[in-house]
């Protein structure tokens, strides 16, 4: 009987360790995916700077969807739209 209790105790500990490990792997995968998306979003734009009639410096920043999608494809990230 004592052996059965010890086996159950170790099985529960192993299960808890596996569950925590699985959660850590899931968090790490999500972090890496989010970093890839953020990097592509920061990279995939055209920026133009000029001075308008009043002498103010104007910056125009336009996102480029094709560059963004190509960057994500190269990094192996898929986003469903």
N, C-alpha and C. Protein backbone atom coordinates (compact mmCIF):
# COMPACT_ATOMS: atom_id res chain seq x y z
N UNK A 1 0.82 -1.19 0.00
CA UNK A 1 0.00 0.00 0.00
C UNK A 1 0.87 1.26 0.00
N UNK A 2 1.96 1.20 0.79
CA UNK A 2 2.84 2.35 0.85
C UNK A 2 3.49 2.61 -0.50
N UNK A 3 3.85 1.53 -1.21
CA UNK A 3 4.46 1.69 -2.53
C UNK A 3 3.49 2.34 -3.51
N UNK A 4 2.23 1.96 -3.44
CA UNK A 4 1.22 2.54 -4.33
C UNK A 4 1.07 4.04 -4.08
N UNK A 5 1.09 4.45 -2.84
CA UNK A 5 0.99 5.88 -2.51
C UNK A 5 2.21 6.63 -3.03
N UNK A 6 3.39 6.03 -2.89
CA UNK A 6 4.62 6.66 -3.39
C UNK A 6 4.57 6.79 -4.92
N UNK A 7 4.08 5.77 -5.60
CA UNK A 7 3.99 5.80 -7.06
C UNK A 7 3.02 6.89 -7.50
N UNK A 8 1.87 6.98 -6.83
CA UNK A 8 0.89 8.01 -7.17
C UNK A 8 1.46 9.41 -6.90
N UNK A 9 2.18 9.55 -5.80
CA UNK A 9 2.78 10.84 -5.47
C UNK A 9 3.79 11.26 -6.54
N UNK A 10 4.66 10.36 -6.95
CA UNK A 10 5.65 10.69 -7.98
C UNK A 10 4.98 10.93 -9.33
N UNK A 11 3.92 10.21 -9.62
CA UNK A 11 3.19 10.41 -10.87
C UNK A 11 2.55 11.79 -10.90
N UNK A 12 1.98 12.23 -9.79
CA UNK A 12 1.39 13.57 -9.72
C UNK A 12 2.44 14.66 -9.85
N UNK A 13 3.59 14.45 -9.24
CA UNK A 13 4.69 15.42 -9.36
C UNK A 13 5.17 15.49 -10.81
N UNK A 14 5.32 14.33 -11.44
CA UNK A 14 5.76 14.30 -12.84
C UNK A 14 4.73 14.97 -13.75
N UNK A 15 3.46 14.75 -13.49
CA UNK A 15 2.40 15.37 -14.27
C UNK A 15 2.44 16.89 -14.11
N UNK A 16 2.65 17.36 -12.90
CA UNK A 16 2.72 18.80 -12.65
C UNK A 16 3.91 19.41 -13.38
N UNK A 17 5.05 18.74 -13.34
CA UNK A 17 6.24 19.23 -14.04
C UNK A 17 6.00 19.26 -15.55
N UNK A 18 5.36 18.25 -16.09
CA UNK A 18 5.06 18.23 -17.53
C UNK A 18 4.11 19.35 -17.91
N UNK A 19 3.11 19.61 -17.09
CA UNK A 19 2.16 20.67 -17.39
C UNK A 19 2.84 22.04 -17.37
N UNK A 20 3.69 22.28 -16.38
CA UNK A 20 4.42 23.55 -16.31
C UNK A 20 5.37 23.67 -17.50
N UNK A 21 6.04 22.60 -17.85
CA UNK A 21 6.94 22.61 -19.01
C UNK A 21 6.19 22.91 -20.29
N UNK A 22 5.03 22.32 -20.46
CA UNK A 22 4.22 22.58 -21.65
C UNK A 22 3.80 24.04 -21.72
N UNK A 23 3.41 24.61 -20.59
CA UNK A 23 3.03 26.02 -20.56
C UNK A 23 4.21 26.92 -20.91
N UNK A 24 5.40 26.60 -20.41
CA UNK A 24 6.59 27.39 -20.71
C UNK A 24 6.93 27.34 -22.20
N UNK A 25 6.80 26.16 -22.81
CA UNK A 25 7.06 26.03 -24.24
C UNK A 25 6.05 26.85 -25.04
N UNK A 26 4.79 26.81 -24.65
CA UNK A 26 3.76 27.58 -25.33
C UNK A 26 4.03 29.08 -25.21
N UNK A 27 4.43 29.54 -24.05
CA UNK A 27 4.75 30.95 -23.85
C UNK A 27 5.95 31.34 -24.71
N UNK A 28 6.97 30.50 -24.76
CA UNK A 28 8.15 30.81 -25.57
C UNK A 28 7.81 30.88 -27.05
N UNK A 29 6.99 29.97 -27.54
CA UNK A 29 6.58 29.99 -28.96
C UNK A 29 5.80 31.26 -29.27
N UNK A 30 4.91 31.65 -28.39
CA UNK A 30 4.12 32.87 -28.60
C UNK A 30 5.02 34.10 -28.60
N UNK A 31 5.99 34.13 -27.71
CA UNK A 31 6.92 35.27 -27.65
C UNK A 31 7.73 35.38 -28.95
N UNK A 32 8.25 34.28 -29.42
CA UNK A 32 9.05 34.29 -30.65
C UNK A 32 8.19 34.72 -31.84
N UNK A 33 6.96 34.23 -31.90
CA UNK A 33 6.06 34.60 -33.00
C UNK A 33 5.73 36.09 -32.95
N UNK A 34 5.45 36.61 -31.77
CA UNK A 34 5.15 38.03 -31.63
C UNK A 34 6.35 38.91 -31.98
N UNK A 35 7.55 38.46 -31.64
CA UNK A 35 8.75 39.21 -32.00
C UNK A 35 8.94 39.24 -33.52
N UNK A 36 8.65 38.12 -34.19
CA UNK A 36 8.76 38.08 -35.64
C UNK A 36 7.75 39.02 -36.29
N UNK A 37 6.53 39.02 -35.79
CA UNK A 37 5.49 39.91 -36.34
C UNK A 37 5.87 41.37 -36.12
N UNK A 38 6.36 41.70 -34.93
CA UNK A 38 6.76 43.07 -34.64
C UNK A 38 7.93 43.51 -35.52
N UNK A 39 8.90 42.63 -35.70
CA UNK A 39 10.05 42.96 -36.55
C UNK A 39 9.63 43.21 -37.99
N UNK A 40 8.73 42.39 -38.51
CA UNK A 40 8.26 42.58 -39.87
C UNK A 40 7.43 43.86 -39.99
N UNK A 41 6.63 44.15 -39.00
CA UNK A 41 5.82 45.37 -39.05
C UNK A 41 6.70 46.62 -39.03
N UNK A 42 7.79 46.59 -38.28
CA UNK A 42 8.70 47.73 -38.23
C UNK A 42 9.53 47.87 -39.50
N UNK A 43 9.73 46.79 -40.19
CA UNK A 43 10.59 46.78 -41.37
C UNK A 43 9.83 47.08 -42.66
N UNK A 44 8.58 46.73 -42.74
CA UNK A 44 7.83 46.76 -44.00
C UNK A 44 7.07 48.07 -44.19
N UNK A 45 7.80 49.14 -44.40
CA UNK A 45 7.15 50.42 -44.68
C UNK A 45 8.08 51.28 -45.52
N UNK A 46 7.49 52.22 -46.20
CA UNK A 46 8.25 53.24 -46.91
C UNK A 46 8.09 54.54 -46.15
N UNK A 47 9.17 55.27 -46.03
CA UNK A 47 9.12 56.53 -45.30
C UNK A 47 9.67 57.64 -46.20
N UNK A 48 8.98 58.77 -46.21
CA UNK A 48 9.37 59.90 -47.02
C UNK A 48 9.33 61.15 -46.14
N UNK A 49 10.40 61.94 -46.18
CA UNK A 49 10.45 63.17 -45.40
C UNK A 49 10.62 64.36 -46.35
N UNK A 50 9.88 65.42 -46.09
CA UNK A 50 10.02 66.63 -46.89
C UNK A 50 9.60 67.83 -46.05
N UNK A 51 9.88 69.00 -46.57
CA UNK A 51 9.52 70.24 -45.90
C UNK A 51 8.37 70.87 -46.67
N UNK A 52 7.28 71.21 -45.96
CA UNK A 52 6.11 71.79 -46.63
C UNK A 52 6.27 73.30 -46.82
N UNK A 53 5.20 73.94 -47.29
CA UNK A 53 5.24 75.37 -47.61
C UNK A 53 5.50 76.26 -46.39
N UNK A 54 5.08 75.84 -45.22
CA UNK A 54 5.28 76.63 -44.00
C UNK A 54 6.64 76.37 -43.36
N UNK A 55 7.45 75.54 -43.95
CA UNK A 55 8.78 75.26 -43.42
C UNK A 55 8.81 74.13 -42.41
N UNK A 56 7.71 73.42 -42.23
CA UNK A 56 7.67 72.30 -41.28
C UNK A 56 8.18 71.03 -41.96
N UNK A 57 8.85 70.23 -41.17
CA UNK A 57 9.31 68.94 -41.69
C UNK A 57 8.18 67.93 -41.55
N UNK A 58 7.82 67.29 -42.65
CA UNK A 58 6.72 66.34 -42.68
C UNK A 58 7.29 64.96 -42.98
N UNK A 59 6.85 63.97 -42.23
CA UNK A 59 7.24 62.59 -42.46
C UNK A 59 6.01 61.79 -42.84
N UNK A 60 6.11 61.12 -43.95
CA UNK A 60 5.03 60.27 -44.43
C UNK A 60 5.51 58.82 -44.35
N UNK A 61 4.76 58.01 -43.64
CA UNK A 61 5.15 56.61 -43.44
C UNK A 61 3.99 55.74 -43.90
N UNK A 62 4.25 54.90 -44.91
CA UNK A 62 3.20 54.06 -45.49
C UNK A 62 3.56 52.58 -45.32
N UNK A 63 2.69 51.81 -44.71
CA UNK A 63 2.94 50.37 -44.60
C UNK A 63 2.81 49.70 -45.96
N UNK A 64 3.60 48.69 -46.19
CA UNK A 64 3.58 47.95 -47.44
C UNK A 64 3.19 46.50 -47.14
N UNK A 65 1.97 46.15 -47.47
CA UNK A 65 1.42 44.85 -47.12
C UNK A 65 2.21 43.71 -47.76
N UNK A 66 2.63 43.87 -49.01
CA UNK A 66 3.35 42.78 -49.68
C UNK A 66 4.70 42.52 -49.02
N UNK A 67 5.42 43.58 -48.62
CA UNK A 67 6.68 43.39 -47.93
C UNK A 67 6.46 42.72 -46.57
N UNK A 68 5.40 43.13 -45.90
CA UNK A 68 5.07 42.56 -44.59
C UNK A 68 4.77 41.06 -44.72
N UNK A 69 3.95 40.71 -45.69
CA UNK A 69 3.60 39.30 -45.88
C UNK A 69 4.81 38.48 -46.30
N UNK A 70 5.67 39.05 -47.14
CA UNK A 70 6.87 38.34 -47.57
C UNK A 70 7.82 38.11 -46.39
N UNK A 71 7.95 39.11 -45.54
CA UNK A 71 8.80 38.98 -44.36
C UNK A 71 8.27 37.88 -43.43
N UNK A 72 6.96 37.88 -43.20
CA UNK A 72 6.37 36.84 -42.36
C UNK A 72 6.54 35.46 -42.98
N UNK A 73 6.38 35.36 -44.30
CA UNK A 73 6.55 34.09 -44.98
C UNK A 73 8.00 33.60 -44.81
N UNK A 74 8.97 34.50 -44.96
CA UNK A 74 10.37 34.12 -44.82
C UNK A 74 10.71 33.67 -43.39
N UNK A 75 9.99 34.22 -42.42
CA UNK A 75 10.22 33.82 -41.02
C UNK A 75 9.36 32.62 -40.61
N UNK A 76 8.49 32.17 -41.50
CA UNK A 76 7.68 30.99 -41.20
C UNK A 76 6.49 31.27 -40.31
N UNK A 77 6.02 32.51 -40.32
CA UNK A 77 4.87 32.89 -39.49
C UNK A 77 3.66 33.03 -40.39
N UNK A 78 2.55 32.43 -39.99
CA UNK A 78 1.32 32.58 -40.76
C UNK A 78 0.30 33.33 -39.91
N UNK A 79 -0.31 34.33 -40.57
CA UNK A 79 -1.35 35.12 -39.93
C UNK A 79 -2.60 34.96 -40.76
N UNK A 80 -3.68 34.59 -40.10
CA UNK A 80 -4.96 34.44 -40.80
C UNK A 80 -5.68 35.76 -40.77
N UNK A 81 -6.14 36.19 -41.94
CA UNK A 81 -6.84 37.47 -42.02
C UNK A 81 -8.28 37.24 -42.38
